[in-house]
Amino acid sequence: MYVKHNSIALMRLERKKRGITEVEMSRRMGLNSAQHYWNIENGKNRLTLEYAALAAKALNVDPSFFICEIVKRKV
């Protein structure tokens, strides 16, 4: 599994669409500070699978909104 390339933009868009502040988002994700969330949303810290899952829960969206599974198939 991996985080979609546009996940940070999607996360910011959904957060703003729902009227959730960065402070509230960091609280919902269980982060230690709003600065930590700001760093993720602004590319200073990586959006890991764990943080993507927490963001999905905080925004009440399915984790697949941010995360893709790599599917291998025989050709």
PDB file of N, CA and C in Angstrom:
ATOM      1  N   MET A   1       0.836  -1.179   0.000  1.00  0.00           N
ATOM      2  CA  MET A   1       0.000   0.000   0.000  1.00  0.00           C
ATOM      3  C   MET A   1       0.884   1.247   0.000  1.00  0.00           C
ATOM      4  N   TYR A   2       0.344   2.301  -0.539  1.00  0.00           N
ATOM      5  CA  TYR A   2       1.086   3.560  -0.565  1.00  0.00           C
ATOM      6  C   TYR A   2       0.107   4.730  -0.527  1.00  0.00           C
ATOM      7  N   VAL A   3       0.618   5.877  -0.168  1.00  0.00           N
ATOM      8  CA  VAL A   3      -0.185   7.099  -0.120  1.00  0.00           C
ATOM      9  C   VAL A   3      -0.249   7.680  -1.529  1.00  0.00           C
ATOM     10  N   LYS A   4      -1.439   8.038  -1.978  1.00  0.00           N
ATOM     11  CA  LYS A   4      -1.610   8.628  -3.307  1.00  0.00           C
ATOM     12  C   LYS A   4      -0.795   9.910  -3.424  1.00  0.00           C
ATOM     13  N   HIS A   5      -0.312  10.185  -4.631  1.00  0.00           N
ATOM     14  CA  HIS A   5       0.556  11.350  -4.849  1.00  0.00           C
ATOM     15  C   HIS A   5      -0.132  12.678  -4.544  1.00  0.00           C
ATOM     16  N   ASN A   6      -1.443  12.739  -4.658  1.00  0.00           N
ATOM     17  CA  ASN A   6      -2.166  13.991  -4.422  1.00  0.00           C
ATOM     18  C   ASN A   6      -2.894  14.012  -3.078  1.00  0.00           C
ATOM     19  N   SER A   7      -2.503  13.130  -2.172  1.00  0.00           N
ATOM     20  CA  SER A   7      -3.210  13.004  -0.893  1.00  0.00           C
ATOM     21  C   SER A   7      -3.177  14.270  -0.051  1.00  0.00           C
ATOM     22  N   ILE A   8      -2.064  14.963  -0.033  1.00  0.00           N
ATOM     23  CA  ILE A   8      -1.971  16.175   0.785  1.00  0.00           C
ATOM     24  C   ILE A   8      -2.948  17.231   0.266  1.00  0.00           C
ATOM     25  N   ALA A   9      -3.017  17.392  -1.041  1.00  0.00           N
ATOM     26  CA  ALA A   9      -3.959  18.357  -1.621  1.00  0.00           C
ATOM     27  C   ALA A   9      -5.399  17.943  -1.320  1.00  0.00           C
ATOM     28  N   LEU A  10      -5.684  16.646  -1.419  1.00  0.00           N
ATOM     29  CA  LEU A  10      -7.025  16.149  -1.101  1.00  0.00           C
ATOM     30  C   LEU A  10      -7.368  16.387   0.364  1.00  0.00           C
ATOM     31  N   MET A  11      -6.395  16.137   1.233  1.00  0.00           N
ATOM     32  CA  MET A  11      -6.601  16.313   2.664  1.00  0.00           C
ATOM     33  C   MET A  11      -6.920  17.777   2.978  1.00  0.00           C
ATOM     34  N   ARG A  12      -6.142  18.686   2.423  1.00  0.00           N
ATOM     35  CA  ARG A  12      -6.366  20.120   2.653  1.00  0.00           C
ATOM     36  C   ARG A  12      -7.737  20.542   2.117  1.00  0.00           C
ATOM     37  N   LEU A  13      -8.068  20.094   0.909  1.00  0.00           N
ATOM     38  CA  LEU A  13      -9.343  20.442   0.291  1.00  0.00           C
ATOM     39  C   LEU A  13     -10.523  19.950   1.131  1.00  0.00           C
ATOM     40  N   GLU A  14     -10.475  18.696   1.556  1.00  0.00           N
ATOM     41  CA  GLU A  14     -11.558  18.133   2.364  1.00  0.00           C
ATOM     42  C   GLU A  14     -11.661  18.821   3.717  1.00  0.00           C
ATOM     43  N   ARG A  15     -10.529  19.120   4.326  1.00  0.00           N
ATOM     44  CA  ARG A  15     -10.526  19.811   5.621  1.00  0.00           C
ATOM     45  C   ARG A  15     -11.198  21.173   5.491  1.00  0.00           C
ATOM     46  N   LYS A  16     -10.807  21.924   4.475  1.00  0.00           N
ATOM     47  CA  LYS A  16     -11.373  23.261   4.269  1.00  0.00           C
ATOM     48  C   LYS A  16     -12.850  23.188   3.887  1.00  0.00           C
ATOM     49  N   LYS A  17     -13.207  22.204   3.062  1.00  0.00           N
ATOM     50  CA  LYS A  17     -14.593  22.029   2.641  1.00  0.00           C
ATOM     51  C   LYS A  17     -15.506  21.787   3.843  1.00  0.00           C
ATOM     52  N   ARG A  18     -14.968  21.109   4.852  1.00  0.00           N
ATOM     53  CA  ARG A  18     -15.740  20.805   6.052  1.00  0.00           C
ATOM     54  C   ARG A  18     -15.620  21.898   7.123  1.00  0.00           C
ATOM     55  N   GLY A  19     -14.836  22.941   6.842  1.00  0.00           N
ATOM     56  CA  GLY A  19     -14.682  24.037   7.789  1.00  0.00           C
ATOM     57  C   GLY A  19     -13.885  23.668   9.028  1.00  0.00           C
ATOM     58  N   ILE A  20     -12.957  22.721   8.879  1.00  0.00           N
ATOM     59  CA  ILE A  20     -12.136  22.260   9.998  1.00  0.00           C
ATOM     60  C   ILE A  20     -10.809  23.014   9.973  1.00  0.00           C
ATOM     61  N   THR A  21     -10.441  23.584  11.100  1.00  0.00           N
ATOM     62  CA  THR A  21      -9.168  24.303  11.193  1.00  0.00           C
ATOM     63  C   THR A  21      -8.016  23.308  11.321  1.00  0.00           C
ATOM     64  N   GLU A  22      -6.812  23.795  11.108  1.00  0.00           N
ATOM     65  CA  GLU A  22      -5.624  22.954  11.291  1.00  0.00           C
ATOM     66  C   GLU A  22      -5.509  22.496  12.740  1.00  0.00           C
ATOM     67  N   VAL A  23      -5.862  23.372  13.669  1.00  0.00           N
ATOM     68  CA  VAL A  23      -5.817  23.019  15.095  1.00  0.00           C
ATOM     69  C   VAL A  23      -6.794  21.881  15.383  1.00  0.00           C
ATOM     70  N   GLU A  24      -8.019  22.000  14.875  1.00  0.00           N
ATOM     71  CA  GLU A  24      -9.027  20.961  15.087  1.00  0.00           C
ATOM     72  C   GLU A  24      -8.616  19.659  14.408  1.00  0.00           C
ATOM     73  N   MET A  25      -8.060  19.763  13.219  1.00  0.00           N
ATOM     74  CA  MET A  25      -7.622  18.566  12.497  1.00  0.00           C
ATOM     75  C   MET A  25      -6.524  17.849  13.275  1.00  0.00           C
ATOM     76  N   SER A  26      -5.580  18.591  13.800  1.00  0.00           N
ATOM     77  CA  SER A  26      -4.502  17.971  14.577  1.00  0.00           C
ATOM     78  C   SER A  26      -5.067  17.295  15.820  1.00  0.00           C
ATOM     79  N   ARG A  27      -6.067  17.905  16.451  1.00  0.00           N
ATOM     80  CA  ARG A  27      -6.704  17.305  17.620  1.00  0.00           C
ATOM     81  C   ARG A  27      -7.419  16.013  17.240  1.00  0.00           C
ATOM     82  N   ARG A  28      -8.175  16.048  16.137  1.00  0.00           N
ATOM     83  CA  ARG A  28      -8.907  14.859  15.684  1.00  0.00           C
ATOM     84  C   ARG A  28      -7.969  13.713  15.313  1.00  0.00           C
ATOM     85  N   MET A  29      -6.783  14.060  14.815  1.00  0.00           N
ATOM     86  CA  MET A  29      -5.808  13.034  14.436  1.00  0.00           C
ATOM     87  C   MET A  29      -4.980  12.553  15.621  1.00  0.00           C
ATOM     88  N   GLY A  30      -5.107  13.233  16.756  1.00  0.00           N
ATOM     89  CA  GLY A  30      -4.351  12.843  17.940  1.00  0.00           C
ATOM     90  C   GLY A  30      -2.895  13.268  17.903  1.00  0.00           C
ATOM     91  N   LEU A  31      -2.595  14.307  17.128  1.00  0.00           N
ATOM     92  CA  LEU A  31      -1.221  14.799  17.035  1.00  0.00           C
ATOM     93  C   LEU A  31      -0.896  15.685  18.230  1.00  0.00           C
ATOM     94  N   ASN A  32       0.376  15.818  18.534  1.00  0.00           N
ATOM     95  CA  ASN A  32       0.810  16.602  19.691  1.00  0.00           C
ATOM     96  C   ASN A  32       0.611  18.101  19.522  1.00  0.00           C
ATOM     97  N   SER A  33       0.606  18.572  18.273  1.00  0.00           N
ATOM     98  CA  SER A  33       0.475  20.015  18.057  1.00  0.00           C
ATOM     99  C   SER A  33      -0.092  20.306  16.675  1.00  0.00           C
ATOM    100  N   ALA A  34      -0.647  21.500  16.554  1.00  0.00           N
ATOM    101  CA  ALA A  34      -1.130  21.946  15.250  1.00  0.00           C
ATOM    102  C   ALA A  34       0.042  22.128  14.292  1.00  0.00           C
ATOM    103  N   GLN A  35       1.205  22.471  14.831  1.00  0.00           N
ATOM    104  CA  GLN A  35       2.410  22.636  14.005  1.00  0.00           C
ATOM    105  C   GLN A  35       2.755  21.332  13.293  1.00  0.00           C
ATOM    106  N   HIS A  36       2.607  20.219  13.990  1.00  0.00           N
ATOM    107  CA  HIS A  36       2.888  18.915  13.386  1.00  0.00           C
ATOM    108  C   HIS A  36       1.969  18.698  12.182  1.00  0.00           C
ATOM    109  N   TYR A  37       0.674  18.991  12.348  1.00  0.00           N
ATOM    110  CA  TYR A  37      -0.256  18.855  11.228  1.00  0.00           C
ATOM    111  C   TYR A  37       0.122  19.811  10.098  1.00  0.00           C
ATOM    112  N   TRP A  38       0.434  21.068  10.447  1.00  0.00           N
ATOM    113  CA  TRP A  38       0.827  22.051   9.436  1.00  0.00           C
ATOM    114  C   TRP A  38       2.017  21.531   8.643  1.00  0.00           C
ATOM    115  N   ASN A  39       2.990  20.935   9.325  1.00  0.00           N
ATOM    116  CA  ASN A  39       4.175  20.390   8.657  1.00  0.00           C
ATOM    117  C   ASN A  39       3.803  19.295   7.664  1.00  0.00           C
ATOM    118  N   ILE A  40       2.832  18.467   8.009  1.00  0.00           N
ATOM    119  CA  ILE A  40       2.380  17.415   7.089  1.00  0.00           C
ATOM    120  C   ILE A  40       1.680  18.051   5.893  1.00  0.00           C
ATOM    121  N   GLU A  41       0.737  18.936   6.165  1.00  0.00           N
ATOM    122  CA  GLU A  41      -0.056  19.542   5.094  1.00  0.00           C
ATOM    123  C   GLU A  41       0.794  20.405   4.161  1.00  0.00           C
ATOM    124  N   ASN A  42       1.906  20.911   4.647  1.00  0.00           N
ATOM    125  CA  ASN A  42       2.771  21.764   3.831  1.00  0.00           C
ATOM    126  C   ASN A  42       4.038  21.062   3.350  1.00  0.00           C
ATOM    127  N   GLY A  43       4.075  19.741   3.471  1.00  0.00           N
ATOM    128  CA  GLY A  43       5.166  18.954   2.906  1.00  0.00           C
ATOM    129  C   GLY A  43       6.465  18.968   3.686  1.00  0.00           C
ATOM    130  N   LYS A  44       6.461  19.501   4.897  1.00  0.00           N
ATOM    131  CA  LYS A  44       7.681  19.505   5.721  1.00  0.00           C
ATOM    132  C   LYS A  44       7.911  18.126   6.341  1.00  0.00           C
ATOM    133  N   ASN A  45       6.821  17.440   6.677  1.00  0.00           N
ATOM    134  CA  ASN A  45       6.862  16.052   7.155  1.00  0.00           C
ATOM    135  C   ASN A  45       6.097  15.203   6.149  1.00  0.00           C
ATOM    136  N   ARG A  46       6.521  13.964   5.996  1.00  0.00           N
ATOM    137  CA  ARG A  46       5.854  13.052   5.059  1.00  0.00           C
ATOM    138  C   ARG A  46       4.465  12.669   5.542  1.00  0.00           C
ATOM    139  N   LEU A  47       3.556  12.504   4.616  1.00  0.00           N
ATOM    140  CA  LEU A  47       2.247  11.939   4.924  1.00  0.00           C
ATOM    141  C   LEU A  47       2.404  10.426   4.845  1.00  0.00           C
ATOM    142  N   THR A  48       2.573   9.798   5.992  1.00  0.00           N
ATOM    143  CA  THR A  48       2.764   8.353   6.049  1.00  0.00           C
ATOM    144  C   THR A  48       1.413   7.653   5.945  1.00  0.00           C
ATOM    145  N   LEU A  49       1.444   6.340   5.783  1.00  0.00           N
ATOM    146  CA  LEU A  49       0.204   5.563   5.771  1.00  0.00           C
ATOM    147  C   LEU A  49      -0.564   5.768   7.074  1.00  0.00           C
ATOM    148  N   GLU A  50       0.168   5.792   8.180  1.00  0.00           N
ATOM    149  CA  GLU A  50      -0.473   5.976   9.489  1.00  0.00           C
ATOM    150  C   GLU A  50      -1.185   7.327   9.557  1.00  0.00           C
ATOM    151  N   TYR A  51      -0.516   8.391   9.154  1.00  0.00           N
ATOM    152  CA  TYR A  51      -1.127   9.719   9.193  1.00  0.00           C
ATOM    153  C   TYR A  51      -2.282   9.825   8.197  1.00  0.00           C
ATOM    154  N   ALA A  52      -2.155   9.176   7.053  1.00  0.00           N
ATOM    155  CA  ALA A  52      -3.238   9.184   6.068  1.00  0.00           C
ATOM    156  C   ALA A  52      -4.478   8.502   6.636  1.00  0.00           C
ATOM    157  N   ALA A  53      -4.279   7.392   7.343  1.00  0.00           N
ATOM    158  CA  ALA A  53      -5.402   6.685   7.965  1.00  0.00           C
ATOM    159  C   ALA A  53      -6.043   7.545   9.056  1.00  0.00           C
ATOM    160  N   LEU A  54      -5.220   8.233   9.846  1.00  0.00           N
ATOM    161  CA  LEU A  54      -5.747   9.125  10.885  1.00  0.00           C
ATOM    162  C   LEU A  54      -6.523  10.290  10.270  1.00  0.00           C
ATOM    163  N   ALA A  55      -6.014  10.826   9.176  1.00  0.00           N
ATOM    164  CA  ALA A  55      -6.692  11.931   8.489  1.00  0.00           C
ATOM    165  C   ALA A  55      -8.031  11.466   7.928  1.00  0.00           C
ATOM    166  N   ALA A  56      -8.057  10.268   7.359  1.00  0.00           N
ATOM    167  CA  ALA A  56      -9.306   9.724   6.822  1.00  0.00           C
ATOM    168  C   ALA A  56     -10.349   9.597   7.927  1.00  0.00           C
ATOM    169  N   LYS A  57      -9.927   9.087   9.065  1.00  0.00           N
ATOM    170  CA  LYS A  57     -10.848   8.956  10.200  1.00  0.00           C
ATOM    171  C   LYS A  57     -11.314  10.333  10.673  1.00  0.00           C
ATOM    172  N   ALA A  58     -10.397  11.285  10.763  1.00  0.00           N
ATOM    173  CA  ALA A  58     -10.732  12.639  11.218  1.00  0.00           C
ATOM    174  C   ALA A  58     -11.716  13.328  10.276  1.00  0.00           C
ATOM    175  N   LEU A  59     -11.616  13.022   8.986  1.00  0.00           N
ATOM    176  CA  LEU A  59     -12.487  13.640   7.986  1.00  0.00           C
ATOM    177  C   LEU A  59     -13.717  12.793   7.671  1.00  0.00           C
ATOM    178  N   ASN A  60     -13.783  11.617   8.306  1.00  0.00           N
ATOM    179  CA  ASN A  60     -14.900  10.695   8.095  1.00  0.00           C
ATOM    180  C   ASN A  60     -15.025  10.276   6.624  1.00  0.00           C
ATOM    181  N   VAL A  61     -13.875   9.939   6.037  1.00  0.00           N
ATOM    182  CA  VAL A  61     -13.850   9.407   4.675  1.00  0.00           C
ATOM    183  C   VAL A  61     -13.184   8.037   4.711  1.00  0.00           C
ATOM    184  N   ASP A  62     -13.421   7.255   3.701  1.00  0.00           N
ATOM    185  CA  ASP A  62     -12.793   5.946   3.602  1.00  0.00           C
ATOM    186  C   ASP A  62     -11.288   6.122   3.413  1.00  0.00           C
ATOM    187  N   PRO A  63     -10.467   5.285   4.062  1.00  0.00           N
ATOM    188  CA  PRO A  63      -9.012   5.406   3.902  1.00  0.00           C
ATOM    189  C   PRO A  63      -8.548   5.336   2.450  1.00  0.00           C
ATOM    190  N   SER A  64      -9.322   4.677   1.587  1.00  0.00           N
ATOM    191  CA  SER A  64      -8.937   4.584   0.175  1.00  0.00           C
ATOM    192  C   SER A  64      -8.931   5.959  -0.496  1.00  0.00           C
ATOM    193  N   PHE A  65      -9.508   6.951   0.169  1.00  0.00           N
ATOM    194  CA  PHE A  65      -9.467   8.326  -0.328  1.00  0.00           C
ATOM    195  C   PHE A  65      -8.022   8.798  -0.445  1.00  0.00           C
ATOM    196  N   PHE A  66      -7.154   8.319   0.467  1.00  0.00           N
ATOM    197  CA  PHE A  66      -5.748   8.715   0.508  1.00  0.00           C
ATOM    198  C   PHE A  66      -4.779   7.588   0.168  1.00  0.00           C
ATOM    199  N   ILE A  67      -5.221   6.347   0.301  1.00  0.00           N
ATOM    200  CA  ILE A  67      -4.313   5.203   0.228  1.00  0.00           C
ATOM    201  C   ILE A  67      -4.711   4.287  -0.927  1.00  0.00           C
ATOM    202  N   CYS A  68      -3.716   3.807  -1.668  1.00  0.00           N
ATOM    203  CA  CYS A  68      -3.928   2.836  -2.745  1.00  0.00           C
ATOM    204  C   CYS A  68      -3.245   1.530  -2.378  1.00  0.00           C
ATOM    205  N   GLU A  69      -3.824   0.457  -2.821  1.00  0.00           N
ATOM    206  CA  GLU A  69      -3.160  -0.829  -2.692  1.00  0.00           C
ATOM    207  C   GLU A  69      -2.507  -1.141  -4.025  1.00  0.00           C
ATOM    208  N   ILE A  70      -1.324  -1.694  -3.935  1.00  0.00           N
ATOM    209  CA  ILE A  70      -0.634  -2.124  -5.147  1.00  0.00           C
ATOM    210  C   ILE A  70      -1.159  -3.511  -5.479  1.00  0.00           C
ATOM    211  N   VAL A  71      -1.724  -3.636  -6.643  1.00  0.00           N
ATOM    212  CA  VAL A  71      -2.296  -4.911  -7.049  1.00  0.00           C
ATOM    213  C   VAL A  71      -1.431  -5.485  -8.157  1.00  0.00           C
ATOM    214  N   LYS A  72      -0.927  -6.667  -7.911  1.00  0.00           N
ATOM    215  CA  LYS A  72      -0.145  -7.351  -8.935  1.00  0.00           C
ATOM    216  C   LYS A  72      -1.046  -8.385  -9.583  1.00  0.00           C
ATOM    217  N   ARG A  73      -0.920  -8.496 -10.868  1.00  0.00           N
ATOM    218  CA  ARG A  73      -1.673  -9.533 -11.556  1.00  0.00           C
ATOM    219  C   ARG A  73      -0.782 -10.189 -12.583  1.00  0.00           C
ATOM    220  N   LYS A  74      -1.102 -11.421 -12.848  1.00  0.00           N
ATOM    221  CA  LYS A  74      -0.339 -12.154 -13.851  1.00  0.00           C
ATOM    222  C   LYS A  74      -0.846 -11.755 -15.219  1.00  0.00           C
ATOM    223  N   VAL A  75       0.089 -11.555 -16.113  1.00  0.00           N
ATOM    224  CA  VAL A  75      -0.278 -11.138 -17.460  1.00  0.00           C
ATOM    225  C   VAL A  75      -0.079 -12.291 -18.402  1.00  0.00           C
TER     226      VAL A  75
END
